[in-house]
């Protein structure tokens, strides 16, 4: 059996990265070199969505991250940096 997927990462400053699951486990942020404090595996082996009770539902474990702040270019208004809120860990 094969596994396809990727990992969502956030560093302590809220920088977001996504790497293929076959890459090395990210320990430090690629933007600021601070430690990674949150990670989430996204399994796309059997697709990302399924139809449940007539509705399209995510089945891959992806977490929609909440934006904490964004820094924009003062000239063209393009987004230069996005900082995300670090999700609280769910107790299992």
Protein backbone atom coordinates (compact mmCIF):
# COMPACT_ATOMS: atom_id res chain seq x y z
CA UNK A 1 0.00 0.00 0.00
CA UNK A 2 1.13 3.48 -0.71
CA UNK A 3 0.63 6.65 1.27
CA UNK A 4 0.20 10.08 -0.26
CA UNK A 5 0.03 13.26 1.73
CA UNK A 6 1.73 16.28 3.15
CA UNK A 7 2.35 17.91 6.51
CA UNK A 8 1.19 21.35 7.63
CA UNK A 9 3.71 23.11 9.91
CA UNK A 10 3.60 26.29 12.02
CA UNK A 11 6.57 27.77 13.84
CA UNK A 12 6.27 29.59 17.16
CA UNK A 13 5.91 32.88 15.24
CA UNK A 14 3.00 31.58 13.14
CA UNK A 15 4.80 31.06 9.81
CA UNK A 16 3.14 28.32 7.76
CA UNK A 17 4.86 25.67 5.63
CA UNK A 18 3.60 22.55 3.87
CA UNK A 19 5.95 19.75 2.84
CA UNK A 20 5.38 16.42 1.14
CA UNK A 21 5.14 13.57 3.62
CA UNK A 22 8.23 11.94 2.12
CA UNK A 23 10.41 14.97 2.96
CA UNK A 24 12.43 15.21 6.13
CA UNK A 25 10.52 16.19 9.27
CA UNK A 26 10.75 19.98 9.57
CA UNK A 27 12.19 21.09 12.92
CA UNK A 28 12.92 24.80 12.27
CA UNK A 29 10.99 27.44 10.35
CA UNK A 30 12.22 28.10 6.82
CA UNK A 31 11.35 31.80 7.27
CA UNK A 32 12.69 32.75 10.72
CA UNK A 33 14.56 29.62 11.92
CA UNK A 34 12.40 29.34 15.08
CA UNK A 35 11.19 25.91 16.25
CA UNK A 36 8.16 24.22 14.73
CA UNK A 37 5.48 24.06 17.44
CA UNK A 38 2.51 22.60 15.51
CA UNK A 39 2.23 19.98 12.78
CA UNK A 40 -0.63 18.17 11.12
CA UNK A 41 -0.54 15.25 8.70
CA UNK A 42 -2.89 15.44 5.71
CA UNK A 43 -3.65 12.03 4.13
CA UNK A 44 -4.71 12.39 0.49
CA UNK A 45 -4.24 8.70 -0.37
CA UNK A 46 -7.97 8.23 -1.00
CA UNK A 47 -8.70 11.81 -2.01
CA UNK A 48 -9.47 14.92 0.00
CA UNK A 49 -13.27 14.99 -0.14
CA UNK A 50 -16.20 12.58 0.05
CA UNK A 51 -19.94 13.05 -0.28
CA UNK A 52 -21.65 12.44 3.08
CA UNK A 53 -25.40 13.04 3.43
CA UNK A 54 -25.34 14.92 0.12
CA UNK A 55 -22.60 17.32 1.24
CA UNK A 56 -18.95 17.49 0.23
CA UNK A 57 -16.92 16.79 3.38
CA UNK A 58 -13.16 16.90 3.88
CA UNK A 59 -11.79 13.46 4.75
CA UNK A 60 -8.03 14.09 4.61
CA UNK A 61 -7.47 15.73 8.02
CA UNK A 62 -6.53 19.14 6.62
CA UNK A 63 -6.83 21.96 9.18
CA UNK A 64 -8.05 25.34 7.93
CA UNK A 65 -5.74 27.81 9.65
CA UNK A 66 -6.93 31.15 11.01
CA UNK A 67 -5.04 34.23 9.92
CA UNK A 68 -3.72 36.31 12.82
CA UNK A 69 -2.19 39.12 10.76
CA UNK A 70 -0.90 40.01 7.32
CA UNK A 71 1.73 42.46 6.19
CA UNK A 72 1.10 44.07 2.80
CA UNK A 73 3.24 46.06 0.39
CA UNK A 74 2.48 49.76 0.74
CA UNK A 75 2.86 50.26 -3.03
CA UNK A 76 0.88 47.42 -4.62
CA UNK A 77 -1.01 45.99 -1.62
CA UNK A 78 0.24 42.44 -2.30
CA UNK A 79 0.63 40.19 0.74
CA UNK A 80 4.24 39.99 1.90
CA UNK A 81 3.77 37.89 5.04
CA UNK A 82 0.93 36.01 6.70
CA UNK A 83 0.99 35.03 10.37
CA UNK A 84 -1.38 32.28 11.51
CA UNK A 85 -2.88 31.48 14.89
CA UNK A 86 -1.45 28.28 16.33
CA UNK A 87 -4.33 25.82 16.82
CA UNK A 88 -4.85 24.42 20.28
CA UNK A 89 -3.94 20.75 20.51
CA UNK A 90 -6.99 18.52 20.87
CA UNK A 91 -6.85 16.11 23.79
CA UNK A 92 -7.15 12.48 22.74
